[in-house]
Protein backbone atom coordinates (compact mmCIF):
# COMPACT_ATOMS: atom_id res chain seq x y z
CA MET A 1 -12.54 55.49 -72.45
CA PRO A 2 -13.01 51.84 -71.52
CA LYS A 3 -16.35 50.85 -70.07
CA THR A 4 -15.15 48.27 -67.57
CA SER A 5 -12.46 48.28 -64.95
CA LYS A 6 -11.13 45.00 -66.34
CA ASN A 7 -10.36 46.75 -69.62
CA SER A 8 -8.85 49.66 -67.70
CA ASP A 9 -6.62 47.28 -65.74
CA ARG A 10 -5.18 46.04 -69.03
CA LEU A 11 -4.79 49.55 -70.40
CA ILE A 12 -3.02 50.70 -67.25
CA MET A 13 -0.55 47.84 -67.43
CA ASP A 14 0.05 48.43 -71.16
CA VAL A 15 0.75 52.13 -70.64
CA ILE A 16 2.99 51.48 -67.66
CA ALA A 17 4.97 48.81 -69.53
CA LYS A 18 5.61 51.20 -72.41
CA GLN A 19 6.36 54.31 -70.36
CA MET A 20 8.13 53.20 -67.17
CA THR A 21 10.88 50.96 -65.94
CA SER A 22 9.84 48.00 -63.78
CA TYR A 23 10.98 49.80 -60.66
CA ALA A 24 9.18 53.05 -61.55
CA ALA A 25 6.00 51.14 -62.37
CA THR A 26 6.07 49.33 -59.02
CA GLN A 27 6.63 52.58 -57.16
CA TRP A 28 3.86 54.35 -59.08
CA LEU A 29 1.36 51.57 -58.46
CA LYS A 30 2.08 51.15 -54.75
CA SER A 31 2.61 54.75 -53.63
CA PRO A 32 -0.22 57.03 -52.52
CA HIS A 33 -0.91 59.94 -54.88
CA LYS A 34 -2.42 63.26 -53.85
CA SER A 35 -4.33 63.35 -57.13
CA LEU A 36 -5.95 60.04 -56.16
CA ASN A 37 -7.06 61.19 -52.71
CA ASP A 38 -3.83 59.94 -51.16
CA GLN A 39 -4.53 56.37 -52.23
CA ALA A 40 -2.26 53.98 -54.10
CA PRO A 41 -3.32 53.12 -57.65
CA SER A 42 -3.03 49.39 -56.90
CA GLU A 43 -5.51 49.72 -54.03
CA LEU A 44 -7.96 51.66 -56.17
CA MET A 45 -7.68 49.04 -58.89
CA LYS A 46 -8.54 46.33 -56.35
CA GLU A 47 -11.62 48.37 -55.39
CA GLY A 48 -12.78 48.46 -59.01
CA LYS A 49 -11.73 52.07 -59.58
CA ALA A 50 -9.29 51.40 -62.40
CA ASP A 51 -10.96 53.97 -64.65
CA MET A 52 -9.93 56.71 -62.22
CA VAL A 53 -6.37 55.35 -62.10
CA TYR A 54 -6.20 55.17 -65.90
CA ARG A 55 -7.29 58.80 -66.28
CA GLN A 56 -4.66 59.94 -63.78
CA LEU A 57 -1.94 57.87 -65.41
CA LYS A 58 -2.71 59.42 -68.79
CA LYS A 59 -2.55 62.91 -67.26
CA GLU A 60 0.84 62.16 -65.73
CA ILE A 61 2.22 60.69 -68.95
CA LYS A 62 1.09 63.76 -70.92
CA GLY A 63 2.76 66.00 -68.34
CA LYS A 64 6.20 64.50 -68.96
């Protein structure tokens, strides 16, 4: 697991680019998620909580 949110930001974008269409990525980043306390991943990333977003993204990718 990355130690800084900056590294997590990059990892999130790498995973999204490989796993989602542009539209799906935009929707995923901007929509609130119950698993993220009804917050949008993009907002959490702005707050420095990219590690939490990265963990959730990996869970969702594995679930597909």
